[in-house]
């Protein structure tokens, strides 16, 4: 998937983007449920929420808070089987681009490409 190049092209075409500082506002961490929102999950996975995905994984995890209970190799296999991504790394980069696009108001522009 080429989410990053789509985001870059859309951002370059945008007339007026806010400063990154206005978007992040001294946040050290973005909550996982905010990153993996319903729009991202329903568009790219077999699930409606990230908690639902974690609960369905082959582990004892029941919510995103328990994600560390899912072994890495098992999680990568599960991601490949239940999403449009090959592994966790690809999914994380895609959700990063989705979140940034949403914060910059580019999410509608990206979905129309």
N, C-alpha and C. Protein backbone atom coordinates (compact mmCIF):
# COMPACT_ATOMS: atom_id res chain seq x y z
N UNK A 1 0.84 -1.17 0.00
CA UNK A 1 0.00 0.00 0.00
C UNK A 1 0.89 1.23 0.00
N UNK A 2 0.37 2.29 -0.54
CA UNK A 2 1.17 3.49 -0.71
C UNK A 2 0.51 4.67 -0.02
N UNK A 3 0.18 4.53 1.24
CA UNK A 3 -0.47 5.59 1.97
C UNK A 3 0.41 6.81 2.09
N UNK A 4 1.71 6.59 2.33
CA UNK A 4 2.61 7.71 2.56
C UNK A 4 2.71 8.59 1.33
N UNK A 5 2.87 8.03 0.15
CA UNK A 5 2.98 8.85 -1.05
C UNK A 5 1.67 9.58 -1.33
N UNK A 6 0.52 8.94 -1.02
CA UNK A 6 -0.76 9.62 -1.18
C UNK A 6 -0.86 10.81 -0.23
N UNK A 7 -0.42 10.64 1.00
CA UNK A 7 -0.45 11.71 1.99
C UNK A 7 0.45 12.85 1.54
N UNK A 8 1.66 12.54 1.09
CA UNK A 8 2.58 13.58 0.65
C UNK A 8 2.02 14.35 -0.53
N UNK A 9 1.46 13.67 -1.51
CA UNK A 9 0.90 14.34 -2.69
C UNK A 9 -0.28 15.22 -2.30
N UNK A 10 -1.13 14.73 -1.42
CA UNK A 10 -2.29 15.50 -0.98
C UNK A 10 -1.85 16.72 -0.19
N UNK A 11 -0.86 16.57 0.68
CA UNK A 11 -0.36 17.69 1.47
C UNK A 11 0.26 18.75 0.58
N UNK A 12 1.00 18.33 -0.43
CA UNK A 12 1.62 19.29 -1.35
C UNK A 12 0.56 20.07 -2.12
N UNK A 13 -0.56 19.44 -2.42
CA UNK A 13 -1.62 20.10 -3.19
C UNK A 13 -2.50 21.00 -2.31
N UNK A 14 -2.42 20.85 -1.01
CA UNK A 14 -3.26 21.63 -0.10
C UNK A 14 -2.78 23.07 -0.06
N UNK A 15 -3.73 23.99 0.04
CA UNK A 15 -3.40 25.41 0.05
C UNK A 15 -2.90 25.89 1.41
N UNK A 16 -3.55 25.48 2.47
CA UNK A 16 -3.24 26.04 3.78
C UNK A 16 -3.25 24.94 4.83
N UNK A 17 -2.08 24.51 5.25
CA UNK A 17 -1.98 23.47 6.27
C UNK A 17 -1.60 24.10 7.61
N UNK A 18 -2.14 23.61 8.70
CA UNK A 18 -1.74 24.12 10.02
C UNK A 18 -0.32 23.69 10.35
N UNK A 19 0.28 24.39 11.29
CA UNK A 19 1.61 24.00 11.77
C UNK A 19 1.51 22.71 12.56
N UNK A 20 2.54 21.90 12.47
CA UNK A 20 2.56 20.63 13.20
C UNK A 20 2.37 20.86 14.70
N UNK A 21 2.92 21.94 15.23
CA UNK A 21 2.80 22.23 16.66
C UNK A 21 1.33 22.43 17.07
N UNK A 22 0.53 22.98 16.15
CA UNK A 22 -0.89 23.18 16.46
C UNK A 22 -1.64 21.86 16.49
N UNK A 23 -1.16 20.88 15.77
CA UNK A 23 -1.82 19.58 15.70
C UNK A 23 -1.45 18.72 16.90
N UNK A 24 -0.18 18.62 17.20
CA UNK A 24 0.29 17.72 18.25
C UNK A 24 0.16 18.34 19.63
N UNK A 25 0.39 19.62 19.78
CA UNK A 25 0.23 20.36 21.02
C UNK A 25 0.88 19.69 22.22
N UNK A 26 2.18 19.50 22.13
CA UNK A 26 2.98 18.97 23.25
C UNK A 26 2.52 17.59 23.73
N UNK A 27 1.91 16.80 22.87
CA UNK A 27 1.49 15.46 23.25
C UNK A 27 2.67 14.51 23.09
N UNK A 28 2.95 13.79 24.14
CA UNK A 28 4.01 12.79 24.07
C UNK A 28 3.50 11.51 23.42
N UNK A 29 2.23 11.23 23.62
CA UNK A 29 1.68 9.96 23.17
C UNK A 29 0.24 10.17 22.68
N UNK A 30 -0.07 9.50 21.60
CA UNK A 30 -1.43 9.55 21.07
C UNK A 30 -2.10 8.25 21.47
N UNK A 31 -3.25 8.31 22.12
CA UNK A 31 -3.93 7.07 22.54
C UNK A 31 -4.18 6.13 21.36
N UNK A 32 -3.95 4.86 21.56
CA UNK A 32 -4.04 3.87 20.49
C UNK A 32 -5.44 3.83 19.88
N UNK A 33 -6.46 4.05 20.69
CA UNK A 33 -7.83 4.03 20.16
C UNK A 33 -8.11 5.24 19.29
N UNK A 34 -7.38 6.33 19.54
CA UNK A 34 -7.51 7.51 18.69
C UNK A 34 -6.83 7.27 17.34
N UNK A 35 -5.70 6.61 17.37
CA UNK A 35 -5.00 6.28 16.12
C UNK A 35 -5.82 5.30 15.28
N UNK A 36 -6.18 4.19 15.89
CA UNK A 36 -6.93 3.14 15.20
C UNK A 36 -8.43 3.40 15.36
N UNK A 37 -8.89 4.49 14.76
CA UNK A 37 -10.30 4.86 14.91
C UNK A 37 -11.19 3.97 14.04
N UNK A 38 -12.49 4.13 14.20
CA UNK A 38 -13.45 3.29 13.48
C UNK A 38 -13.31 3.41 11.97
N UNK A 39 -13.05 4.62 11.49
CA UNK A 39 -12.91 4.81 10.04
C UNK A 39 -11.75 3.98 9.49
N UNK A 40 -10.63 4.00 10.18
CA UNK A 40 -9.47 3.22 9.74
C UNK A 40 -9.75 1.73 9.83
N UNK A 41 -10.31 1.33 10.97
CA UNK A 41 -10.53 -0.10 11.19
C UNK A 41 -11.51 -0.70 10.20
N UNK A 42 -12.62 -0.03 9.95
CA UNK A 42 -13.61 -0.60 9.03
C UNK A 42 -13.12 -0.56 7.59
N UNK A 43 -12.28 0.39 7.24
CA UNK A 43 -11.77 0.48 5.87
C UNK A 43 -10.67 -0.53 5.57
N UNK A 44 -9.90 -0.92 6.60
CA UNK A 44 -8.69 -1.71 6.32
C UNK A 44 -8.60 -3.05 7.05
N UNK A 45 -9.60 -3.35 7.89
CA UNK A 45 -9.54 -4.59 8.66
C UNK A 45 -10.90 -5.28 8.63
N UNK A 46 -10.96 -6.45 9.23
CA UNK A 46 -12.22 -7.18 9.37
C UNK A 46 -12.98 -6.77 10.63
N UNK A 47 -12.57 -5.69 11.27
CA UNK A 47 -13.11 -5.31 12.58
C UNK A 47 -13.62 -3.87 12.59
N UNK A 48 -14.50 -3.59 13.55
CA UNK A 48 -15.05 -2.24 13.71
C UNK A 48 -14.23 -1.39 14.67
N UNK A 49 -13.44 -2.03 15.53
CA UNK A 49 -12.62 -1.29 16.50
C UNK A 49 -11.32 -2.05 16.75
N UNK A 50 -10.34 -1.33 17.28
CA UNK A 50 -9.07 -1.97 17.58
C UNK A 50 -9.22 -2.94 18.75
N UNK A 51 -10.06 -2.59 19.73
CA UNK A 51 -10.31 -3.51 20.84
C UNK A 51 -10.89 -4.83 20.32
N UNK A 52 -11.82 -4.73 19.37
CA UNK A 52 -12.42 -5.94 18.80
C UNK A 52 -11.36 -6.79 18.10
N UNK A 53 -10.44 -6.14 17.42
CA UNK A 53 -9.37 -6.87 16.73
C UNK A 53 -8.46 -7.59 17.73
N UNK A 54 -8.08 -6.88 18.78
CA UNK A 54 -7.21 -7.48 19.80
C UNK A 54 -7.91 -8.64 20.48
N UNK A 55 -9.19 -8.47 20.79
CA UNK A 55 -9.95 -9.54 21.45
C UNK A 55 -10.04 -10.78 20.56
N UNK A 56 -10.13 -10.59 19.26
CA UNK A 56 -10.23 -11.72 18.32
C UNK A 56 -8.89 -12.39 18.04
N UNK A 57 -7.82 -11.76 18.46
CA UNK A 57 -6.49 -12.32 18.19
C UNK A 57 -6.27 -13.63 18.95
N UNK A 58 -5.35 -14.45 18.47
CA UNK A 58 -5.06 -15.72 19.15
C UNK A 58 -4.18 -15.51 20.39
N UNK A 59 -4.79 -14.93 21.41
CA UNK A 59 -4.06 -14.66 22.65
C UNK A 59 -5.06 -14.47 23.79
N UNK A 60 -4.56 -14.15 24.95
CA UNK A 60 -5.41 -13.87 26.11
C UNK A 60 -5.84 -12.41 26.17
N UNK A 61 -5.39 -11.60 25.23
CA UNK A 61 -5.71 -10.18 25.22
C UNK A 61 -7.19 -9.97 24.91
N UNK A 62 -7.80 -8.99 25.60
CA UNK A 62 -9.21 -8.68 25.35
C UNK A 62 -9.43 -7.23 24.92
N UNK A 63 -8.45 -6.35 25.15
CA UNK A 63 -8.57 -4.95 24.74
C UNK A 63 -7.21 -4.46 24.26
N UNK A 64 -7.20 -3.27 23.69
CA UNK A 64 -5.95 -2.66 23.24
C UNK A 64 -4.95 -2.52 24.38
N UNK A 65 -5.45 -2.35 25.60
CA UNK A 65 -4.56 -2.23 26.76
C UNK A 65 -3.76 -3.50 27.00
N UNK A 66 -4.27 -4.63 26.50
CA UNK A 66 -3.62 -5.92 26.68
C UNK A 66 -2.75 -6.34 25.49
N UNK A 67 -2.52 -5.45 24.55
CA UNK A 67 -1.83 -5.80 23.31
C UNK A 67 -0.49 -6.47 23.56
N UNK A 68 0.17 -6.12 24.63
CA UNK A 68 1.48 -6.73 24.93
C UNK A 68 1.38 -8.24 25.20
N UNK A 69 0.19 -8.74 25.45
CA UNK A 69 0.01 -10.17 25.68
C UNK A 69 0.04 -10.99 24.39
N UNK A 70 -0.06 -10.32 23.24
CA UNK A 70 -0.07 -11.01 21.96
C UNK A 70 1.38 -11.13 21.47
N UNK A 71 1.88 -12.35 21.29
CA UNK A 71 3.26 -12.52 20.82
C UNK A 71 3.46 -11.88 19.44
N UNK A 72 4.65 -11.27 19.22
CA UNK A 72 4.93 -10.54 17.99
C UNK A 72 4.65 -11.35 16.72
N UNK A 73 5.22 -12.52 16.60
CA UNK A 73 5.02 -13.32 15.39
C UNK A 73 3.57 -13.67 15.18
N UNK A 74 2.87 -13.98 16.26
CA UNK A 74 1.45 -14.30 16.19
C UNK A 74 0.66 -13.07 15.74
N UNK A 75 1.02 -11.92 16.24
CA UNK A 75 0.32 -10.68 15.88
C UNK A 75 0.52 -10.38 14.40
N UNK A 76 1.75 -10.51 13.90
CA UNK A 76 2.02 -10.26 12.48
C UNK A 76 1.18 -11.18 11.59
N UNK A 77 1.11 -12.45 11.95
CA UNK A 77 0.28 -13.40 11.18
C UNK A 77 -1.18 -13.00 11.23
N UNK A 78 -1.65 -12.62 12.39
CA UNK A 78 -3.04 -12.22 12.57
C UNK A 78 -3.36 -10.97 11.75
N UNK A 79 -2.46 -10.00 11.77
CA UNK A 79 -2.63 -8.78 10.98
C UNK A 79 -2.72 -9.13 9.49
N UNK A 80 -1.83 -9.99 9.03
CA UNK A 80 -1.83 -10.39 7.62
C UNK A 80 -3.13 -11.09 7.22
N UNK A 81 -3.69 -11.87 8.14
CA UNK A 81 -4.91 -12.63 7.84
C UNK A 81 -6.19 -11.79 7.93
N UNK A 82 -6.19 -10.74 8.75
CA UNK A 82 -7.45 -10.03 9.03
C UNK A 82 -7.46 -8.57 8.59
N UNK A 83 -6.39 -8.15 7.91
CA UNK A 83 -6.32 -6.77 7.43
C UNK A 83 -5.81 -6.76 6.00
N UNK A 84 -5.72 -5.59 5.43
CA UNK A 84 -5.15 -5.45 4.08
C UNK A 84 -3.63 -5.31 4.14
N UNK A 85 -3.06 -5.40 5.32
CA UNK A 85 -1.62 -5.20 5.51
C UNK A 85 -0.88 -6.52 5.65
N UNK A 86 0.39 -6.51 5.28
CA UNK A 86 1.23 -7.71 5.35
C UNK A 86 1.71 -8.02 6.77
N UNK A 87 1.83 -6.97 7.60
CA UNK A 87 2.32 -7.16 8.96
C UNK A 87 2.03 -5.91 9.80
N UNK A 88 2.40 -5.98 11.07
CA UNK A 88 2.13 -4.89 12.00
C UNK A 88 2.81 -3.60 11.55
N UNK A 89 4.04 -3.69 11.09
CA UNK A 89 4.79 -2.49 10.70
C UNK A 89 4.04 -1.73 9.60
N UNK A 90 3.56 -2.44 8.59
CA UNK A 90 2.83 -1.80 7.50
C UNK A 90 1.55 -1.15 8.02
N UNK A 91 0.85 -1.83 8.93
CA UNK A 91 -0.38 -1.29 9.50
C UNK A 91 -0.09 -0.03 10.32
N UNK A 92 0.98 -0.04 11.09
CA UNK A 92 1.34 1.10 11.93
C UNK A 92 1.67 2.32 11.07
N UNK A 93 2.43 2.13 10.00
CA UNK A 93 2.74 3.26 9.13
C UNK A 93 1.48 3.80 8.45
N UNK A 94 0.57 2.92 8.08
CA UNK A 94 -0.67 3.35 7.44
C UNK A 94 -1.55 4.12 8.42
N UNK A 95 -1.64 3.65 9.66
CA UNK A 95 -2.48 4.35 10.64
C UNK A 95 -1.84 5.69 11.00
N UNK A 96 -0.53 5.76 11.01
CA UNK A 96 0.14 7.04 11.24
C UNK A 96 -0.26 8.05 10.17
N UNK A 97 -0.20 7.63 8.91
CA UNK A 97 -0.57 8.52 7.81
C UNK A 97 -2.05 8.90 7.87
N UNK A 98 -2.88 7.94 8.24
CA UNK A 98 -4.32 8.20 8.39
C UNK A 98 -4.54 9.27 9.46
N UNK A 99 -3.89 9.12 10.59
CA UNK A 99 -4.07 10.06 11.71
C UNK A 99 -3.58 11.45 11.33
N UNK A 100 -2.41 11.52 10.71
CA UNK A 100 -1.87 12.82 10.30
C UNK A 100 -2.81 13.48 9.30
N UNK A 101 -3.26 12.72 8.31
CA UNK A 101 -4.18 13.27 7.30
C UNK A 101 -5.45 13.79 7.95
N UNK A 102 -5.96 13.04 8.92
CA UNK A 102 -7.17 13.46 9.61
C UNK A 102 -6.93 14.74 10.40
N UNK A 103 -5.80 14.84 11.07
CA UNK A 103 -5.49 16.03 11.85
C UNK A 103 -5.30 17.26 10.96
N UNK A 104 -4.80 17.05 9.75
CA UNK A 104 -4.57 18.15 8.82
C UNK A 104 -5.79 18.45 7.95
N UNK A 105 -6.85 17.68 8.14
CA UNK A 105 -8.04 17.89 7.33
C UNK A 105 -7.89 17.37 5.92
N UNK A 106 -6.97 16.43 5.73
CA UNK A 106 -6.71 15.87 4.40
C UNK A 106 -7.38 14.52 4.20
N UNK A 107 -8.06 14.01 5.22
CA UNK A 107 -8.61 12.66 5.16
C UNK A 107 -9.61 12.51 4.01
N UNK A 108 -10.44 13.49 3.75
CA UNK A 108 -11.38 13.39 2.64
C UNK A 108 -10.66 13.44 1.30
N UNK A 109 -9.61 14.23 1.20
CA UNK A 109 -8.84 14.31 -0.04
C UNK A 109 -8.18 12.99 -0.35
N UNK A 110 -7.66 12.31 0.68
CA UNK A 110 -6.99 11.03 0.48
C UNK A 110 -7.99 9.96 0.05
N UNK A 111 -9.17 9.95 0.63
CA UNK A 111 -10.13 8.90 0.30
C UNK A 111 -10.70 9.06 -1.10
N UNK A 112 -10.58 10.23 -1.68
CA UNK A 112 -11.09 10.42 -3.04
C UNK A 112 -10.05 10.11 -4.10
N UNK A 113 -8.81 9.78 -3.69
CA UNK A 113 -7.75 9.47 -4.66
C UNK A 113 -7.83 8.06 -5.12
